[in-house]
Amino acid sequence: MRILSGRNRCGARPHPASILVAISLLVGCAPMHSTEVIIDTPVPPNMRNELVRDSIEYSIEARVVGESLRLSVKQSETCVEIVTPQTHRVRAVTRTAAPGVTRTTWTLAVLGLAGGAYGYLDAEALSIRNTGSPDSAEQYRTYATAIALLGLAATVVGIVDTARAGDSRYDDGIIDGRARRRTETCRARRTANVDVSVQLANGSSVAGHLNDHGLVDVSLLSVPEAGLPDPSTEVTATLAGKVVPVHLSTEQLESLRGALSANPLSRLSTERLARRRAQCDTSVAAARSATPPDPLPIPSAARDGWAAAKTSCDDLWTASLEADLLAVENRAALDTCGHRLSLVAVPIAAGEFELLDEINAELVSVRDTCKSPQHTEQVRELFAKLKPLEKRREAQLRQEQRRIAREESRAEQAKQREAREERRRDQERARRQRSWGGARLLCNDGTLSPSCTCGRSSYRGCCSWHGGVNRCSVSPP
C-alpha cells in the first residue's frame, strides 16, 4: 500500500456545469489536498520454464576392462525457470478542500444571498432611511441584486468544491514484478548411437560407437607405448562436436598398462620385445668384441661384459649363448689360477716367511679350485718350496722368544728397583713429617712456645702470652 499526497488547484479535474458555475470556477475555488492509497494484493506468480539452446553437456565415466576402456556417456541440458511475481493493484484517491477557504466561501454565500434578499425586498425602506426619499429604491435594488449574485456565485463555488472533494477508486489490474531466473540441469539421459573419438598421448587416438545404453569399449591393443596415457596426460573424448575430459586414476592406468604388457598381441608388448632383443644383441656383441681369441688371457672387461649381457637378455638368453659364456668362464678360471700361482711364487722366491700363513691359505684355495694337471703340479712345487721358509721362520721365532724373555727380565728388574726407590722416598717423607710435627711453634716475640708443636691440629691458645703464633720453627716437609 502506498499513499501519495499533493495539492490540486481549480481546473485540475474538469466538471460539467453551467456558464455561471464556470465563471465562478474561474473567479476562485478552494485548494484541494489529495491522498492516494495504492493497495497491492499478491496473486499467484507467473511461472514458465525455458530450455537453453545449445546447452547440452556430456559427462563420461571410464572403467578399465582388460586392454580396453569402457566409456559410459551421459548428457544433460540446462533449463531456466522464470518466476514473475504479480500483484493486483487498486488505487484509492481521497480529495479534501482546504477547511479555511471552504468556511470563507460558504460565509460569503450566506451573507451575499441574505444581504441581497434583504436589500431587494426592503429597498424602499432603506432608501427612505438613508436619503429620506423613496427615489433611490431602484438603485438599492440594483445593489442588492449584485450582492445576491455574489452570494450565488459563492454558493456555486462551495457546491463545486464539495463535488471536487469526493473519493475515487481506480483498478490498475495485474502488475508484474521483477522476474527471478533459476538455472538447473534437466533432461538428463544416456547418450546413444554417437561416434566417439578418444584422444590419448602424443597424438594417438582410438574410436568407437556408443550403443543404445550409452556404452562403448575402445581397445588399446593397437596403441603404441608413446601413445598410452600417464598420470600427467589429459585424456579427452570428442563426440557431437564437443570435447569432454576423461578422468583416469593412477590405478586404472597401471591396470591398463599391465593388461597390455601381458598380452603378446598388443603393440606395447611387441615394441618392448623388439627393444629388449636389440638391447640383448648389443650386449652380446659388446661381450664378444671384448673377448680375445684363445689362448690369450681373458680380461676382466670380457667377464663383466658376458655377465651384463646375460642380465640384459634375461629370458632371451639361449643355450648357445650360455655355452659361449661357460667357455669364457673356464678360460677366465684358468687364467685366474695361473695368475694367482704367479703371485704366490713371488714372496716364496723372495723368502718372505712373514707371509707364510697367507701363502699357505692361498695355495690351499688354488689347490681346491684349480683342478687342471698343470696347476696341480705347480701347487705341489710351491708347497715344497715352503719347507725351508718354515724352518727359517721357526728359528726366527725361537730367537724372537729369547729376545722377548730378556726384555721382560730387564723390565721386571727395573720395576723392582723402582719399587725399592719408592719405598725409600716414602720412609724419608714420613721421617721429615714426624720431625716437623714435633718442632715448637715460633711466637711473634721471637720465643719458642713452651707447650705447642707444629703438628697440632689447631693453634688456638698457643703463644697467648707471647703475642700469638708467628710460624713453625722449622720448614714444612
Protein backbone atom coordinates (compact mmCIF):
# COMPACT_ATOMS: atom_id res chain seq x y z
CA MET A 1 0.00 0.00 0.00
CA ARG A 2 1.32 3.44 -0.95
CA ILE A 3 -0.04 6.86 -0.04
CA LEU A 4 0.57 9.76 -2.43
CA SER A 5 -0.42 13.30 -1.40
CA GLY A 6 -0.32 16.66 -3.21
CA ARG A 7 -2.08 19.97 -3.89
CA ASN A 8 -4.74 20.14 -6.60
CA ARG A 9 -5.95 23.59 -7.74
CA CYS A 10 -9.10 24.56 -9.52
CA GLY A 11 -9.19 23.22 -13.03
CA ALA A 12 -7.12 20.12 -12.22
CA ARG A 13 -10.14 17.99 -12.90
CA PRO A 14 -12.86 19.14 -15.34
CA HIS A 15 -16.54 19.08 -14.22
CA PRO A 16 -19.60 19.89 -16.37
CA ALA A 17 -21.53 22.95 -15.07
CA SER A 18 -23.48 25.92 -16.21
CA ILE A 19 -21.90 29.13 -17.50
CA LEU A 20 -22.33 30.71 -14.07
CA VAL A 21 -20.51 27.78 -12.42
CA ALA A 22 -17.72 28.09 -14.99
CA ILE A 23 -17.41 31.82 -14.25
CA SER A 24 -17.39 31.01 -10.53
CA LEU A 25 -14.62 28.41 -11.05
CA LEU A 26 -12.61 30.98 -12.95
CA VAL A 27 -13.14 33.52 -10.16
CA GLY A 28 -11.83 31.23 -7.42
CA CYS A 29 -12.02 27.77 -5.87
CA ALA A 30 -10.67 26.12 -2.73
CA PRO A 31 -7.26 24.45 -2.89
CA MET A 32 -7.67 20.63 -2.86
CA HIS A 33 -5.50 18.19 -0.90
CA SER A 34 -5.43 14.72 -2.45
CA THR A 35 -4.28 11.45 -0.84
CA GLU A 36 -3.65 8.37 -3.00
CA VAL A 37 -3.53 4.91 -1.38
CA ILE A 38 -2.15 2.09 -3.50
CA ILE A 39 -3.22 -1.42 -2.42
CA ASP A 40 -1.25 -4.29 -3.97
CA THR A 41 -2.75 -7.73 -3.37
CA PRO A 42 -0.40 -10.62 -4.21
CA VAL A 43 -1.67 -13.12 -6.73
CA PRO A 44 -0.04 -16.39 -7.85
CA PRO A 45 3.19 -15.64 -9.76
CA ASN A 46 3.62 -16.26 -13.43
CA MET A 47 5.97 -19.28 -13.86
CA ARG A 48 7.42 -20.64 -17.07
CA ASN A 49 10.30 -22.93 -17.98
CA GLU A 50 12.60 -22.41 -20.94
CA LEU A 51 15.24 -24.71 -22.42
CA VAL A 52 18.60 -23.03 -23.11
CA ARG A 53 19.62 -23.60 -26.69
CA ASP A 54 22.85 -25.49 -27.40
CA SER A 55 23.30 -26.24 -23.69
CA ILE A 56 23.94 -29.98 -23.97
CA GLU A 57 26.71 -31.10 -21.63
CA TYR A 58 28.32 -34.55 -21.67
CA SER A 59 29.87 -36.48 -18.80
CA ILE A 60 31.99 -39.61 -19.19
CA GLU A 61 32.75 -42.31 -16.64
CA ALA A 62 35.66 -44.55 -17.62
CA ARG A 63 36.46 -48.10 -16.49
CA VAL A 64 39.32 -50.39 -17.47
CA VAL A 65 38.22 -53.76 -18.85
CA GLY A 66 41.26 -55.79 -19.83
CA GLU A 67 43.04 -53.99 -22.65
CA SER A 68 40.06 -51.68 -23.30
CA LEU A 69 38.49 -48.56 -21.90
CA ARG A 70 34.75 -48.83 -21.26
CA LEU A 71 33.15 -45.41 -21.50
CA SER A 72 29.71 -44.65 -20.09
CA VAL A 73 28.42 -41.38 -21.59
CA LYS A 74 25.57 -39.30 -20.17
CA GLN A 75 24.20 -35.97 -21.29
CA SER A 76 22.08 -33.24 -19.78
CA GLU A 77 20.76 -29.81 -20.74
CA THR A 78 20.23 -26.52 -18.96
CA CYS A 79 16.74 -25.27 -18.14
CA VAL A 80 15.77 -21.85 -16.86
CA GLU A 81 12.78 -21.38 -14.55
CA ILE A 82 11.44 -17.82 -14.77
CA VAL A 83 9.22 -16.73 -11.89
CA THR A 84 7.49 -13.35 -12.24
CA PRO A 85 5.73 -12.16 -9.07
CA GLN A 86 2.32 -10.48 -9.72
CA THR A 87 0.03 -8.24 -7.70
CA HIS A 88 -3.47 -6.85 -8.26
CA ARG A 89 -3.26 -3.05 -7.81
CA VAL A 90 -6.12 -0.79 -6.69
CA ARG A 91 -5.65 2.99 -6.20
CA ALA A 92 -7.93 4.83 -3.73
CA VAL A 93 -7.79 8.65 -4.15
CA THR A 94 -9.24 10.90 -1.39
CA ARG A 95 -9.61 14.69 -2.07
CA THR A 96 -10.38 17.28 0.63
CA ALA A 97 -10.78 21.05 0.27
CA ALA A 98 -8.87 23.48 2.44
CA PRO A 99 -11.08 23.99 5.56
CA GLY A 100 -10.43 27.78 5.89
CA VAL A 101 -11.27 28.54 2.28
CA THR A 102 -14.39 26.37 2.43
CA ARG A 103 -15.71 28.21 5.51
CA THR A 104 -14.99 31.58 3.91
CA THR A 105 -16.79 30.57 0.69
CA TRP A 106 -19.95 29.43 2.48
CA THR A 107 -19.89 32.51 4.72
CA LEU A 108 -19.79 34.76 1.66
CA ALA A 109 -22.56 32.70 0.07
CA VAL A 110 -24.86 33.05 3.10
CA LEU A 111 -24.10 36.72 3.61
CA GLY A 112 -24.47 37.52 -0.09
CA LEU A 113 -27.79 35.70 -0.52
CA ALA A 114 -29.21 37.02 2.78
CA GLY A 115 -27.95 40.58 2.15
CA GLY A 116 -29.18 40.58 -1.47
CA ALA A 117 -32.65 39.33 -0.49
CA TYR A 118 -32.95 41.85 2.33
CA GLY A 119 -31.79 44.78 0.17
CA TYR A 120 -34.05 43.84 -2.73
CA LEU A 121 -37.18 43.29 -0.67
CA ASP A 122 -36.71 46.30 1.65
CA ALA A 123 -35.18 48.70 -0.92
CA GLU A 124 -37.71 51.48 -0.32
CA ALA A 125 -37.28 51.37 3.44
CA LEU A 126 -33.50 51.51 3.04
CA SER A 127 -33.81 54.45 0.62
CA ILE A 128 -36.10 56.40 2.96
CA ARG A 129 -33.90 55.61 5.97
CA ASN A 130 -30.70 56.70 4.27
CA THR A 131 -31.87 59.52 1.91
CA GLY A 132 -35.29 60.47 3.27
CA SER A 133 -36.87 59.78 -0.15
CA PRO A 134 -38.03 56.58 -1.90
CA ASP A 135 -36.48 57.75 -5.17
CA SER A 136 -33.28 55.71 -4.59
CA ALA A 137 -35.12 52.38 -4.05
CA GLU A 138 -34.37 51.19 -7.56
CA GLN A 139 -30.67 51.87 -7.06
CA TYR A 140 -30.74 49.89 -3.80
CA ARG A 141 -32.40 47.01 -5.63
CA THR A 142 -29.60 47.07 -8.18
CA TYR A 143 -27.00 46.88 -5.37
CA ALA A 144 -28.95 44.10 -3.68
CA THR A 145 -29.13 42.15 -6.90
CA ALA A 146 -25.32 42.39 -7.30
CA ILE A 147 -24.81 41.27 -3.70
CA ALA A 148 -27.22 38.35 -4.26
CA LEU A 149 -25.38 37.38 -7.41
CA LEU A 150 -22.11 37.43 -5.49
CA GLY A 151 -23.66 35.19 -2.80
CA LEU A 152 -24.99 32.92 -5.54
CA ALA A 153 -21.51 32.74 -7.10
CA ALA A 154 -20.02 31.83 -3.69
CA THR A 155 -22.70 29.16 -3.35
CA VAL A 156 -21.80 27.71 -6.75
CA VAL A 157 -18.12 27.70 -5.78
CA GLY A 158 -18.94 25.93 -2.50
CA ILE A 159 -21.02 23.37 -4.39
CA VAL A 160 -18.20 22.85 -6.92
CA ASP A 161 -15.64 22.40 -4.12
CA THR A 162 -17.91 19.91 -2.44
CA ALA A 163 -18.24 17.97 -5.71
CA ARG A 164 -14.49 18.07 -6.29
CA ALA A 165 -13.73 16.80 -2.77
CA GLY A 166 -15.07 13.30 -3.44
CA ASP A 167 -13.35 9.89 -3.19
CA SER A 168 -12.31 7.87 -6.27
CA ARG A 169 -11.19 4.24 -6.71
CA TYR A 170 -9.22 3.01 -9.73
CA ASP A 171 -8.40 -0.62 -10.68
CA ASP A 172 -4.98 -0.79 -12.38
CA GLY A 173 -5.23 -4.54 -12.98
CA ILE A 174 -2.32 -7.03 -12.72
CA ILE A 175 1.14 -5.53 -12.15
CA ASP A 176 4.25 -7.64 -12.98
CA GLY A 177 7.22 -7.54 -10.58
CA ARG A 178 10.91 -8.22 -11.25
CA ALA A 179 11.37 -11.68 -12.73
CA ARG A 180 13.63 -14.18 -10.99
CA ARG A 181 15.62 -16.70 -13.05
CA ARG A 182 16.86 -20.02 -11.67
CA THR A 183 19.10 -22.27 -13.75
CA GLU A 184 19.09 -26.03 -13.24
CA THR A 185 20.12 -29.19 -15.01
CA CYS A 186 17.36 -31.00 -16.82
CA ARG A 187 16.69 -33.74 -19.35
CA ALA A 188 19.49 -35.96 -18.03
CA ARG A 189 19.79 -39.15 -20.06
CA ARG A 190 22.28 -41.57 -21.61
CA THR A 191 23.88 -40.69 -24.92
CA ALA A 192 23.23 -43.37 -27.53
CA ASN A 193 24.27 -44.11 -31.11
CA VAL A 194 27.00 -41.45 -31.33
CA ASP A 195 30.57 -41.82 -32.65
CA VAL A 196 33.25 -41.23 -30.01
CA SER A 197 36.94 -40.47 -30.54
CA VAL A 198 39.29 -40.73 -27.54
CA GLN A 199 42.48 -38.64 -27.66
CA LEU A 200 45.38 -40.24 -25.76
CA ALA A 201 49.03 -39.14 -25.53
CA ASN A 202 51.29 -37.77 -28.28
CA GLY A 203 48.55 -37.58 -30.91
CA SER A 204 47.32 -41.16 -30.56
CA SER A 205 43.59 -41.80 -30.58
CA VAL A 206 41.05 -44.61 -30.68
CA ALA A 207 37.45 -44.51 -31.87
CA GLY A 208 34.19 -46.29 -31.13
CA HIS A 209 30.41 -46.03 -31.39
CA LEU A 210 28.04 -45.72 -28.43
CA ASN A 211 25.37 -48.40 -28.21
CA ASP A 212 21.77 -47.92 -27.15
CA HIS A 213 22.80 -47.95 -23.49
CA GLY A 214 25.41 -45.21 -23.85
CA LEU A 215 28.37 -47.64 -23.55
CA VAL A 216 31.39 -48.22 -25.78
CA ASP A 217 34.54 -50.33 -25.38
CA VAL A 218 37.60 -48.88 -27.13
CA SER A 219 40.56 -51.25 -27.44
CA LEU A 220 44.12 -50.00 -26.92
CA LEU A 221 45.85 -53.06 -28.41
CA SER A 222 47.00 -51.07 -31.45
CA VAL A 223 48.18 -48.01 -29.49
CA PRO A 224 51.99 -47.56 -29.34
CA GLU A 225 53.70 -47.19 -25.98
CA ALA A 226 54.30 -43.47 -26.62
CA GLY A 227 50.56 -43.01 -27.10
CA LEU A 228 49.49 -44.59 -23.82
CA PRO A 229 48.43 -42.02 -21.21
CA ASP A 230 50.20 -41.49 -17.91
CA PRO A 231 49.04 -39.55 -14.82
CA SER A 232 50.12 -36.26 -16.42
CA THR A 233 48.19 -36.87 -19.68
CA GLU A 234 44.89 -35.07 -20.27
CA VAL A 235 42.69 -37.71 -21.88
CA THR A 236 39.67 -36.30 -23.75
CA ALA A 237 36.82 -37.67 -25.84
CA THR A 238 35.20 -35.92 -28.79
CA LEU A 239 31.53 -36.56 -29.57
CA ALA A 240 28.90 -34.48 -31.32
CA GLY A 241 31.49 -31.74 -31.85
CA LYS A 242 32.26 -31.32 -28.13
CA VAL A 243 35.44 -32.21 -26.23
CA VAL A 244 34.81 -33.92 -22.90
CA PRO A 245 37.52 -34.76 -20.32
CA VAL A 246 38.02 -38.42 -19.39
CA HIS A 247 39.37 -38.91 -15.87
CA LEU A 248 41.58 -41.97 -15.29
CA SER A 249 43.11 -42.72 -11.90
CA THR A 250 46.69 -43.88 -11.42
CA GLU A 251 45.42 -47.35 -10.51
CA GLN A 252 43.40 -47.55 -13.73
CA LEU A 253 46.40 -46.50 -15.85
CA GLU A 254 48.62 -49.08 -14.16
CA SER A 255 45.98 -51.78 -14.65
CA LEU A 256 45.67 -50.88 -18.34
CA ARG A 257 49.43 -51.00 -18.92
CA GLY A 258 49.67 -54.28 -17.04
CA ALA A 259 46.98 -55.88 -19.20
CA LEU A 260 48.62 -54.62 -22.41
CA SER A 261 52.04 -55.84 -21.25
CA ALA A 262 50.63 -59.28 -20.50
CA ASN A 263 49.07 -59.59 -23.97
CA PRO A 264 51.74 -60.56 -26.52
CA LEU A 265 49.49 -59.30 -29.34
CA SER A 266 49.45 -55.73 -28.08
CA ARG A 267 51.65 -53.16 -29.74
CA LEU A 268 53.11 -52.28 -26.36
CA SER A 269 54.38 -55.87 -25.92
CA THR A 270 55.79 -56.08 -29.46
CA GLU A 271 57.62 -52.76 -29.10
CA ARG A 272 59.08 -53.74 -25.73
CA LEU A 273 60.15 -57.16 -27.08
CA ALA A 274 61.85 -55.51 -30.06
CA ARG A 275 63.73 -53.13 -27.77
CA ARG A 276 64.80 -55.96 -25.48
CA ARG A 277 66.05 -58.03 -28.44
CA ALA A 278 68.05 -55.09 -29.73
CA GLN A 279 69.47 -54.43 -26.28
CA CYS A 280 70.36 -58.13 -25.86
CA ASP A 281 72.07 -58.27 -29.26
CA THR A 282 74.03 -55.12 -28.44
CA SER A 283 75.20 -56.51 -25.08
CA VAL A 284 76.25 -59.86 -26.61
CA ALA A 285 78.11 -58.10 -29.42
CA ALA A 286 79.97 -55.93 -26.89
CA ALA A 287 80.91 -59.05 -24.84
CA ARG A 288 82.18 -60.88 -27.93
CA SER A 289 84.29 -57.91 -29.01
CA ALA A 290 85.89 -57.74 -25.54
CA THR A 291 86.80 -61.49 -25.60
CA PRO A 292 90.25 -62.18 -27.17
CA PRO A 293 90.87 -65.38 -29.08
CA ASP A 294 92.30 -68.45 -27.33
CA PRO A 295 94.96 -68.80 -25.88
CA LEU A 296 95.16 -65.13 -24.95
CA PRO A 297 94.11 -64.40 -21.35
CA ILE A 298 90.55 -63.28 -20.65
CA PRO A 299 90.44 -59.68 -19.34
CA SER A 300 88.04 -58.64 -16.61
CA ALA A 301 86.15 -56.46 -19.12
CA ALA A 302 85.21 -59.59 -21.07
CA ARG A 303 83.94 -61.40 -17.98
CA ASP A 304 81.94 -58.32 -16.90
CA GLY A 305 80.57 -57.90 -20.44
CA TRP A 306 79.24 -61.50 -20.61
CA ALA A 307 77.69 -61.18 -17.14
CA ALA A 308 76.00 -57.90 -18.16
CA ALA A 309 74.80 -59.49 -21.42
CA LYS A 310 73.13 -62.38 -19.56
CA THR A 311 71.43 -59.93 -17.19
CA SER A 312 70.29 -57.77 -20.09
CA CYS A 313 68.92 -60.66 -22.17
CA ASP A 314 67.16 -62.34 -19.24
CA ASP A 315 64.57 -64.75 -20.76
CA LEU A 316 66.01 -64.14 -24.25
CA TRP A 317 69.22 -65.91 -23.22
CA THR A 318 69.69 -69.01 -25.38
CA ALA A 319 71.55 -72.27 -24.89
CA SER A 320 74.22 -71.31 -27.42
CA LEU A 321 74.87 -68.06 -25.59
CA GLU A 322 75.12 -70.00 -22.31
CA ALA A 323 77.74 -72.30 -23.90
CA ASP A 324 79.77 -69.30 -25.03
CA LEU A 325 79.55 -67.84 -21.52
CA LEU A 326 80.75 -71.11 -19.92
CA ALA A 327 83.70 -71.26 -22.32
CA VAL A 328 84.72 -67.74 -21.38
CA GLU A 329 84.33 -68.53 -17.66
CA ASN A 330 86.51 -71.65 -18.00
CA ARG A 331 89.22 -69.70 -19.79
CA ALA A 332 88.98 -66.98 -17.20
CA ALA A 333 89.22 -69.55 -14.40
CA LEU A 334 92.41 -71.00 -15.89
CA ASP A 335 93.86 -67.53 -16.29
CA THR A 336 92.94 -66.71 -12.76
CA CYS A 337 94.59 -69.84 -11.36
CA GLY A 338 97.81 -69.15 -13.22
CA HIS A 339 97.79 -65.54 -12.13
CA ARG A 340 97.18 -66.48 -8.51
CA LEU A 341 100.03 -69.01 -8.55
CA SER A 342 102.37 -66.46 -10.10
CA LEU A 343 101.51 -64.00 -7.33
CA VAL A 344 102.19 -66.65 -4.66
CA ALA A 345 105.55 -67.56 -6.22
CA VAL A 346 106.88 -64.01 -5.77
CA PRO A 347 107.04 -63.91 -1.90
CA ILE A 348 108.23 -67.53 -1.85
CA ALA A 349 111.14 -66.68 -4.12
CA ALA A 350 111.89 -63.59 -2.03
CA GLY A 351 111.95 -65.66 1.15
CA GLU A 352 109.27 -63.61 2.84
CA PHE A 353 108.46 -66.13 5.54
CA GLU A 354 106.49 -63.45 7.40
CA LEU A 355 103.67 -64.11 4.83
CA LEU A 356 103.87 -67.85 5.30
CA ASP A 357 100.33 -68.23 6.70
CA GLU A 358 98.79 -66.17 3.88
CA ILE A 359 100.80 -68.13 1.29
CA ASN A 360 99.64 -71.44 2.74
CA ALA A 361 95.99 -70.34 2.69
CA GLU A 362 96.22 -69.13 -0.90
CA LEU A 363 97.87 -72.38 -2.08
CA VAL A 364 95.17 -74.45 -0.40
CA SER A 365 92.48 -72.32 -2.09
CA VAL A 366 94.12 -72.69 -5.51
CA ARG A 367 94.51 -76.45 -5.00
CA ASP A 368 90.79 -76.78 -4.21
CA THR A 369 89.54 -74.63 -7.07
CA CYS A 370 92.02 -75.24 -9.90
CA LYS A 371 91.90 -78.95 -10.89
CA SER A 372 93.96 -78.84 -14.07
CA PRO A 373 97.09 -81.08 -14.01
CA GLN A 374 99.33 -78.14 -14.80
CA HIS A 375 98.07 -76.10 -11.87
CA THR A 376 98.13 -79.12 -9.54
CA GLU A 377 101.82 -79.70 -10.29
CA GLN A 378 102.62 -76.03 -9.76
CA VAL A 379 100.88 -76.09 -6.39
CA ARG A 380 102.88 -79.16 -5.35
CA GLU A 381 106.17 -77.48 -6.30
CA LEU A 382 105.28 -74.31 -4.39
CA PHE A 383 104.34 -76.32 -1.29
CA ALA A 384 107.82 -77.97 -1.46
CA LYS A 385 109.47 -74.56 -1.57
CA LEU A 386 107.68 -73.55 1.60
CA LYS A 387 109.58 -76.04 3.85
CA PRO A 388 112.86 -74.01 4.07
CA LEU A 389 110.78 -70.92 4.80
CA GLU A 390 109.02 -72.71 7.61
CA LYS A 391 112.36 -73.74 9.18
CA ARG A 392 113.68 -70.18 8.92
CA ARG A 393 110.50 -68.87 10.50
CA GLU A 394 110.78 -71.36 13.37
CA ALA A 395 114.40 -70.32 14.02
CA GLN A 396 113.48 -66.69 13.95
CA LEU A 397 110.54 -67.36 16.27
CA ARG A 398 112.86 -69.03 18.83
CA GLN A 399 115.29 -66.13 18.60
CA GLU A 400 112.45 -63.68 18.99
CA GLN A 401 111.16 -65.54 22.03
CA ARG A 402 114.59 -65.39 23.70
CA ARG A 403 114.79 -61.67 22.96
CA ILE A 404 111.37 -61.10 24.42
CA ALA A 405 112.31 -63.09 27.55
CA ARG A 406 115.44 -60.95 28.07
CA GLU A 407 113.46 -57.77 27.66
CA GLU A 408 110.83 -58.99 30.09
CA SER A 409 113.55 -59.86 32.66
CA ARG A 410 115.12 -56.44 32.31
CA ALA A 411 111.74 -54.81 32.65
CA GLU A 412 111.00 -56.81 35.80
CA GLN A 413 114.31 -55.82 37.38
CA ALA A 414 113.73 -52.18 36.56
CA LYS A 415 110.30 -52.45 38.08
CA GLN A 416 111.71 -53.89 41.31
CA ARG A 417 114.35 -51.13 41.53
CA GLU A 418 111.64 -48.53 41.08
CA ALA A 419 109.59 -50.12 43.85
CA ARG A 420 112.52 -50.07 46.27
CA GLU A 421 113.23 -46.42 45.45
CA GLU A 422 109.60 -45.53 46.03
CA ARG A 423 109.59 -47.20 49.45
CA ARG A 424 112.78 -45.28 50.43
CA ARG A 425 111.16 -41.98 49.39
CA ASP A 426 108.06 -42.81 51.42
CA GLN A 427 110.14 -43.52 54.52
CA GLU A 428 112.06 -40.25 54.12
CA ARG A 429 108.80 -38.29 53.80
CA ALA A 430 107.42 -39.97 56.93
CA ARG A 431 110.58 -39.15 58.89
CA ARG A 432 110.51 -35.50 57.83
CA GLN A 433 106.82 -35.31 58.71
CA ARG A 434 107.49 -36.64 62.21
CA SER A 435 110.38 -34.21 62.69
CA TRP A 436 108.28 -31.27 61.61
CA GLY A 437 105.32 -32.30 63.74
CA GLY A 438 107.44 -32.40 66.93
CA ALA A 439 109.08 -28.99 66.38
CA ARG A 440 107.99 -25.98 68.59
CA LEU A 441 105.95 -23.10 67.31
CA LEU A 442 107.68 -19.74 66.95
CA CYS A 443 105.82 -16.91 68.71
CA ASN A 444 105.64 -13.31 67.49
CA ASP A 445 108.06 -12.11 70.21
CA GLY A 446 110.74 -14.47 68.88
CA THR A 447 110.43 -17.12 71.59
CA LEU A 448 109.50 -20.75 71.14
CA SER A 449 106.17 -21.92 72.51
CA PRO A 450 106.77 -24.00 75.64
CA SER A 451 103.74 -26.30 75.02
CA CYS A 452 102.60 -26.17 71.34
CA THR A 453 104.20 -28.07 68.43
CA CYS A 454 103.81 -27.66 64.69
CA GLY A 455 101.89 -30.92 64.28
CA ARG A 456 98.88 -29.80 66.29
CA SER A 457 95.53 -29.76 64.54
CA SER A 458 94.73 -26.32 65.99
CA TYR A 459 96.95 -23.47 67.16
CA ARG A 460 94.26 -21.91 69.33
CA GLY A 461 95.64 -20.81 72.75
CA CYS A 462 99.27 -21.16 71.65
CA CYS A 463 101.72 -18.24 72.32
CA SER A 464 98.93 -16.41 74.12
CA TRP A 465 101.48 -14.63 76.41
CA HIS A 466 103.96 -14.04 73.60
CA GLY A 467 102.00 -12.05 71.02
CA GLY A 468 100.44 -15.01 69.17
CA VAL A 469 101.78 -17.64 66.75
CA ASN A 470 104.15 -16.50 64.03
CA ARG A 471 105.08 -19.77 62.26
CA CYS A 472 106.63 -23.20 62.77
CA SER A 473 110.21 -23.07 63.90
CA VAL A 474 111.27 -25.44 61.06
CA SER A 475 110.36 -25.54 57.36
CA PRO A 476 107.44 -27.86 56.35
CA PRO A 477 108.34 -31.18 54.75
